[in-house]
Structure formats: C-alpha cells, structure tokens
Amino acid sequence: EKARNFEFKLPVDSRSRPPSA
C-alpha cells in the first residue's frame, strides 16, 4: 500500500511539492 500511495502521489506531489520519500 505504501508503494502504491507513493507512486500515486509522486506525479501529484511533484507539481505541488517534492515527494516525502
């Protein structure tokens, strides 16, 4: 689940802010 959430947030966070990971 963590990996899935990360992949999904990657593109979204990339636009707003850097990834937490």
N, C-alpha and C. Protein backbone atom coordinates (compact mmCIF):
# COMPACT_ATOMS: atom_id res chain seq x y z
N GLU A 1 0.85 -1.21 0.00
CA GLU A 1 0.00 0.00 0.00
C GLU A 1 0.88 1.25 0.00
N LYS A 2 1.95 1.21 0.76
CA LYS A 2 2.84 2.37 0.83
C LYS A 2 3.40 2.69 -0.56
N ALA A 3 3.86 1.68 -1.23
CA ALA A 3 4.45 1.89 -2.56
C ALA A 3 3.40 2.43 -3.53
N ARG A 4 2.18 1.91 -3.42
CA ARG A 4 1.11 2.35 -4.31
C ARG A 4 0.77 3.82 -4.05
N ASN A 5 0.68 4.15 -2.79
CA ASN A 5 0.36 5.53 -2.42
C ASN A 5 1.47 6.47 -2.90
N PHE A 6 2.69 6.02 -2.81
CA PHE A 6 3.84 6.83 -3.21
C PHE A 6 3.82 7.09 -4.73
N GLU A 7 3.54 6.02 -5.47
CA GLU A 7 3.51 6.16 -6.92
C GLU A 7 2.38 7.10 -7.35
N PHE A 8 1.28 7.04 -6.63
CA PHE A 8 0.12 7.87 -6.98
C PHE A 8 0.37 9.33 -6.58
N LYS A 9 1.07 9.51 -5.49
CA LYS A 9 1.34 10.88 -5.03
C LYS A 9 2.55 11.48 -5.73
N LEU A 10 3.38 10.65 -6.30
CA LEU A 10 4.59 11.12 -6.96
C LEU A 10 4.29 12.23 -7.98
N PRO A 11 3.47 11.93 -8.99
CA PRO A 11 3.16 12.93 -10.01
C PRO A 11 2.42 14.14 -9.43
N VAL A 12 1.52 13.90 -8.52
CA VAL A 12 0.74 14.99 -7.93
C VAL A 12 1.62 15.87 -7.04
N ASP A 13 2.43 15.23 -6.19
CA ASP A 13 3.31 15.99 -5.30
C ASP A 13 4.40 16.71 -6.09
N SER A 14 4.80 16.11 -7.18
CA SER A 14 5.87 16.69 -7.99
C SER A 14 5.46 18.09 -8.46
N ARG A 15 4.17 18.27 -8.72
CA ARG A 15 3.71 19.57 -9.22
C ARG A 15 3.56 20.56 -8.07
N SER A 16 3.03 20.07 -6.97
CA SER A 16 2.78 20.96 -5.83
C SER A 16 4.03 21.08 -4.96
N ARG A 17 4.56 19.93 -4.57
CA ARG A 17 5.75 19.93 -3.70
C ARG A 17 6.54 18.64 -3.90
N PRO A 18 7.80 18.60 -3.49
CA PRO A 18 8.64 17.41 -3.65
C PRO A 18 8.06 16.23 -2.88
N PRO A 19 8.35 15.01 -3.31
CA PRO A 19 7.85 13.80 -2.64
C PRO A 19 8.38 13.68 -1.22
N SER A 20 7.58 13.15 -0.33
CA SER A 20 8.00 12.99 1.07
C SER A 20 9.13 11.96 1.15
N ALA A 21 9.08 10.98 0.25
CA ALA A 21 10.11 9.93 0.28
C ALA A 21 11.38 10.49 -0.36
